Amino acid sequence: MREILNIPIGEVIPSIEAILNGQGIPRHVKPDERTIRIAEDAISIYKQKGTPAGILMEISKEDFGTIYTGDGQNESKSPVKPIYLTSDHLTLFAVTTGEDVCSEIATLFQTNDFALGSMLDTAASEAAEMAAQFLESYYHRHLTEIDRFHPGTGVLRFSPGYCGWHISAQRKLFQHLKPEDIGIILNDSFLMQPLKSVSGIIISGRKEIFKFDDTFSFCRDCTTHTCRDRLKAVLEQQ
């Protein structure tokens, strides 16, 4: 299976609360009207400029092993390797919010509209993560429809640059997936263009294979530990 999806923008519009939280405003703090208005303006621009799209491609464990190894710079211990080795199904993925919204962010900063530029930057980042979640859910539904998803099965995604998986793996990931078909290219530093893009692997398997503690050495450098919420969601999947 290799499939390109034009993601309905209505499926990946971040909430004002998520944007403000991404800006460092705790949910229990009530922002002033001007801050809320800027967040609303950022969402409005994103709706106009965003062109979310995604691509999926199923891959064997053997082929993914080559991608995972990348340039040989992974951490010696990582949750990703034992999870994919004991999985049932694997699919590469990439999503983007599109170049237009990234260009608009750059323009806002260039014209010194830092407040709106920063807010739109956060909105686009949130939208990219929502697009990645959209693909994860889409793949979940696909497995269910073809009778390859059963009680006790979970689905979880991982990306190069996180969980001890070195970002240099992006090179081989892109060689296999070819996300340039949805407008995503890779630069020499392994960063994606458009910047508001996410790539990686979606893994399906028994829920218990996904259980891991965030006590690896690289976990100390993580500021969000969002894996905890996503892992909890997997273990609660029906």
Protein backbone atom coordinates (compact mmCIF):
# COMPACT_ATOMS: atom_id res chain seq x y z
CA MET A 1 0.00 0.00 0.00
CA ARG A 2 1.23 3.46 -0.96
CA GLU A 3 -1.35 6.21 -0.72
CA ILE A 4 -1.37 10.00 -0.97
CA LEU A 5 -4.01 11.85 1.03
CA ASN A 6 -5.23 15.41 0.73
CA ILE A 7 -6.20 15.95 4.35
CA PRO A 8 -9.38 18.03 4.87
CA ILE A 9 -8.22 21.19 6.60
CA GLY A 10 -11.22 21.02 8.91
CA GLU A 11 -9.71 17.87 10.41
CA VAL A 12 -6.48 19.60 11.43
CA ILE A 13 -7.38 23.01 12.83
CA PRO A 14 -5.75 23.59 16.23
CA SER A 15 -7.79 25.04 19.07
CA ILE A 16 -7.04 28.42 20.59
CA GLU A 17 -6.25 26.62 23.85
CA ALA A 18 -3.67 24.39 22.16
CA ILE A 19 -2.02 27.36 20.47
CA LEU A 20 -1.84 29.39 23.67
CA ASN A 21 -0.45 26.40 25.54
CA GLY A 22 2.17 26.04 22.81
CA GLN A 23 3.01 29.69 23.42
CA GLY A 24 3.71 28.90 27.05
CA ILE A 25 0.43 30.14 28.46
CA PRO A 26 -0.85 27.51 30.93
CA ARG A 27 -4.42 26.35 30.47
CA HIS A 28 -5.41 27.67 33.90
CA VAL A 29 -4.33 31.21 32.99
CA LYS A 30 -6.93 33.42 31.35
CA PRO A 31 -5.28 35.37 28.48
CA ASP A 32 -6.25 38.94 27.67
CA GLU A 33 -8.51 39.78 24.73
CA ARG A 34 -5.64 40.93 22.51
CA THR A 35 -3.82 37.61 22.91
CA ILE A 36 -6.98 35.68 22.08
CA ARG A 37 -7.58 37.87 19.04
CA ILE A 38 -4.06 37.22 17.73
CA ALA A 39 -4.60 33.47 18.17
CA GLU A 40 -7.89 33.74 16.27
CA ASP A 41 -6.16 35.67 13.49
CA ALA A 42 -3.48 32.97 13.31
CA ILE A 43 -6.13 30.27 12.92
CA SER A 44 -7.86 32.34 10.22
CA ILE A 45 -4.61 32.67 8.25
CA TYR A 46 -3.87 28.99 8.66
CA LYS A 47 -7.30 28.11 7.26
CA GLN A 48 -6.55 30.26 4.20
CA LYS A 49 -2.96 29.20 3.63
CA GLY A 50 -2.78 25.64 4.92
CA THR A 51 -2.79 22.77 2.41
CA PRO A 52 -2.36 19.68 4.59
CA ALA A 53 -1.39 16.48 2.82
CA GLY A 54 0.02 13.12 3.77
CA ILE A 55 1.56 9.99 2.30
CA LEU A 56 1.66 6.40 3.60
CA MET A 57 3.60 3.36 2.41
CA GLU A 58 3.66 -0.05 4.04
CA ILE A 59 7.10 -1.56 4.48
CA SER A 60 8.61 -4.85 5.62
CA LYS A 61 10.63 -5.19 8.81
CA GLU A 62 13.71 -6.03 6.76
CA ASP A 63 13.45 -2.89 4.65
CA PHE A 64 12.61 -0.73 7.63
CA GLY A 65 15.65 -2.11 9.46
CA THR A 66 17.82 -0.44 6.82
CA ILE A 67 15.95 2.84 7.27
CA TYR A 68 16.09 2.66 11.05
CA THR A 69 19.85 2.05 11.04
CA GLY A 70 20.34 5.12 8.85
CA ASP A 71 23.92 6.33 9.11
CA GLY A 72 24.58 4.23 12.21
CA GLN A 73 24.17 7.09 14.69
CA ASN A 74 21.23 5.80 16.75
CA GLU A 75 21.50 5.55 20.51
CA SER A 76 22.63 2.11 21.65
CA LYS A 77 19.37 1.68 23.55
CA SER A 78 16.09 2.95 22.14
CA PRO A 79 12.44 1.84 22.47
CA VAL A 80 11.95 1.99 18.70
CA LYS A 81 14.03 -1.05 17.70
CA PRO A 82 12.46 -3.68 20.01
CA ILE A 83 9.00 -2.29 19.21
CA TYR A 84 9.33 -2.54 15.43
CA LEU A 85 11.03 -5.96 15.64
CA THR A 86 8.03 -7.39 17.51
CA SER A 87 5.37 -5.52 15.52
CA ASP A 88 2.76 -6.87 13.11
CA HIS A 89 2.66 -4.11 10.48
CA LEU A 90 4.75 -1.06 9.57
CA THR A 91 4.03 1.93 7.36
CA LEU A 92 6.22 4.91 6.56
CA PHE A 93 4.49 8.28 6.64
CA ALA A 94 4.99 11.97 6.03
CA VAL A 95 2.64 14.92 6.42
CA THR A 96 2.89 18.64 5.80
CA THR A 97 0.79 21.75 6.28
CA GLY A 98 2.12 23.08 2.97
CA GLU A 99 4.59 25.72 1.86
CA ASP A 100 2.18 28.66 1.74
CA VAL A 101 1.61 28.80 5.49
CA CYS A 102 5.37 28.54 6.12
CA SER A 103 6.00 31.40 3.70
CA GLU A 104 3.38 33.48 5.51
CA ILE A 105 5.14 32.88 8.83
CA ALA A 106 8.43 34.07 7.32
CA THR A 107 6.74 37.16 5.87
CA LEU A 108 5.21 38.11 9.21
CA PHE A 109 8.60 37.94 10.92
CA GLN A 110 10.26 39.87 8.10
CA THR A 111 7.67 42.66 8.49
CA ASN A 112 8.20 42.70 12.27
CA ASP A 113 4.76 41.33 13.10
CA PHE A 114 6.36 39.07 15.67
CA ALA A 115 3.25 38.43 17.76
CA LEU A 116 1.15 37.12 14.86
CA GLY A 117 4.14 35.39 13.26
CA SER A 118 4.91 33.53 16.47
CA MET A 119 1.26 32.61 16.98
CA LEU A 120 0.92 31.33 13.39
CA ASP A 121 4.16 29.38 13.79
CA THR A 122 2.70 27.62 16.82
CA ALA A 123 -0.63 27.05 15.06
CA ALA A 124 1.12 25.43 12.10
CA SER A 125 3.22 23.23 14.39
CA GLU A 126 0.09 22.06 16.20
CA ALA A 127 -1.61 21.44 12.84
CA ALA A 128 1.33 19.34 11.60
CA GLU A 129 1.08 17.13 14.69
CA MET A 130 -2.67 16.85 14.16
CA ALA A 131 -2.03 15.81 10.55
CA ALA A 132 0.36 13.09 11.76
CA GLN A 133 -2.33 11.90 14.17
CA PHE A 134 -4.85 11.95 11.30
CA LEU A 135 -2.64 9.56 9.32
CA GLU A 136 -2.15 7.33 12.35
CA SER A 137 -5.92 7.11 12.80
CA TYR A 138 -6.41 6.58 9.06
CA TYR A 139 -4.00 3.64 9.11
CA HIS A 140 -5.78 2.25 12.16
CA ARG A 141 -9.07 2.32 10.23
CA HIS A 142 -7.42 0.77 7.18
CA LEU A 143 -6.12 -2.18 9.21
CA THR A 144 -9.56 -2.63 10.76
CA GLU A 145 -11.28 -2.64 7.36
CA ILE A 146 -8.98 -5.36 6.00
CA ASP A 147 -9.28 -7.41 9.20
CA ARG A 148 -5.69 -6.89 10.33
CA PHE A 149 -6.55 -4.99 13.51
CA HIS A 150 -7.82 -7.02 16.44
CA PRO A 151 -8.60 -6.55 20.14
CA GLY A 152 -5.32 -6.06 21.95
CA THR A 153 -3.71 -4.30 18.98
CA GLY A 154 -2.28 -0.79 19.18
CA VAL A 155 -0.92 1.76 16.71
CA LEU A 156 1.80 4.29 17.50
CA ARG A 157 4.10 6.52 15.41
CA PHE A 158 7.76 7.44 15.88
CA SER A 159 9.90 10.01 14.08
CA PRO A 160 13.63 10.35 13.43
CA GLY A 161 15.21 12.78 15.87
CA TYR A 162 13.25 11.38 18.81
CA CYS A 163 13.43 8.38 21.15
CA GLY A 164 17.08 7.69 20.31
CA TRP A 165 16.37 7.35 16.58
CA HIS A 166 18.91 9.63 14.90
CA ILE A 167 17.62 12.27 12.52
CA SER A 168 20.02 11.08 9.79
CA ALA A 169 17.59 8.20 9.16
CA GLN A 170 15.53 10.78 7.29
CA ARG A 171 17.73 10.25 4.21
CA LYS A 172 16.83 6.60 3.69
CA LEU A 173 13.24 7.20 4.81
CA PHE A 174 12.86 9.78 2.04
CA GLN A 175 14.53 7.47 -0.51
CA HIS A 176 11.87 4.83 0.19
CA LEU A 177 8.78 7.00 0.74
CA LYS A 178 9.46 9.79 -1.80
CA PRO A 179 7.42 12.46 0.03
CA GLU A 180 8.43 14.97 -2.63
CA ASP A 181 5.21 13.74 -4.25
CA ILE A 182 3.38 15.87 -1.65
CA GLY A 183 5.89 18.70 -1.79
CA ILE A 184 8.27 17.73 1.03
CA ILE A 185 12.02 17.77 0.40
CA LEU A 186 15.00 17.14 2.69
CA ASN A 187 17.97 19.45 3.10
CA ASP A 188 21.56 18.52 3.91
CA SER A 189 20.89 18.90 7.65
CA PHE A 190 18.02 16.36 7.41
CA LEU A 191 15.44 19.08 8.03
CA MET A 192 12.26 19.04 5.99
CA GLN A 193 10.95 21.76 3.74
CA PRO A 194 8.20 22.90 4.30
CA LEU A 195 9.36 23.17 7.88
CA LYS A 196 5.93 22.32 9.28
CA SER A 197 6.15 18.68 8.27
CA VAL A 198 6.40 15.39 10.17
CA SER A 199 7.74 12.04 8.98
CA GLY A 200 8.41 8.65 10.48
CA ILE A 201 7.01 5.17 10.96
CA ILE A 202 3.58 4.05 12.15
CA ILE A 203 3.82 0.74 13.99
CA SER A 204 0.97 -1.69 14.62
CA GLY A 205 1.24 -4.58 17.05
CA ARG A 206 0.19 -5.99 20.38
CA LYS A 207 -0.35 -3.18 22.86
CA GLU A 208 2.17 -4.57 25.31
CA ILE A 209 5.08 -4.05 22.89
CA PHE A 210 4.61 -0.28 23.22
CA LYS A 211 5.08 -0.17 26.97
CA PHE A 212 8.31 1.58 27.89
CA ASP A 213 9.42 3.97 30.61
CA ASP A 214 10.83 7.39 29.72
CA THR A 215 14.06 6.67 31.60
CA PHE A 216 16.46 6.45 28.67
CA SER A 217 19.43 8.81 28.71
CA PHE A 218 17.96 10.93 25.91
CA CYS A 219 14.67 11.31 27.80
CA ARG A 220 16.40 13.78 30.12
CA ASP A 221 16.75 16.18 27.20
CA CYS A 222 13.06 15.96 26.27
CA THR A 223 11.04 18.97 27.43
CA THR A 224 7.53 17.67 26.69
CA HIS A 225 7.42 13.88 27.23
CA THR A 226 4.38 13.78 24.92
CA CYS A 227 5.05 10.09 24.40
CA ARG A 228 3.37 9.49 27.73
CA ASP A 229 0.01 10.85 26.54
CA ARG A 230 0.25 9.10 23.18
CA LEU A 231 1.24 5.80 24.81
CA LYS A 232 -1.69 6.08 27.22
CA ALA A 233 -4.03 6.63 24.26
CA VAL A 234 -2.67 3.50 22.56
CA LEU A 235 -3.18 1.34 25.62
CA GLU A 236 -6.77 2.62 25.85
CA GLN A 237 -7.53 2.03 22.14
CA GLN A 238 -10.49 -0.19 21.38
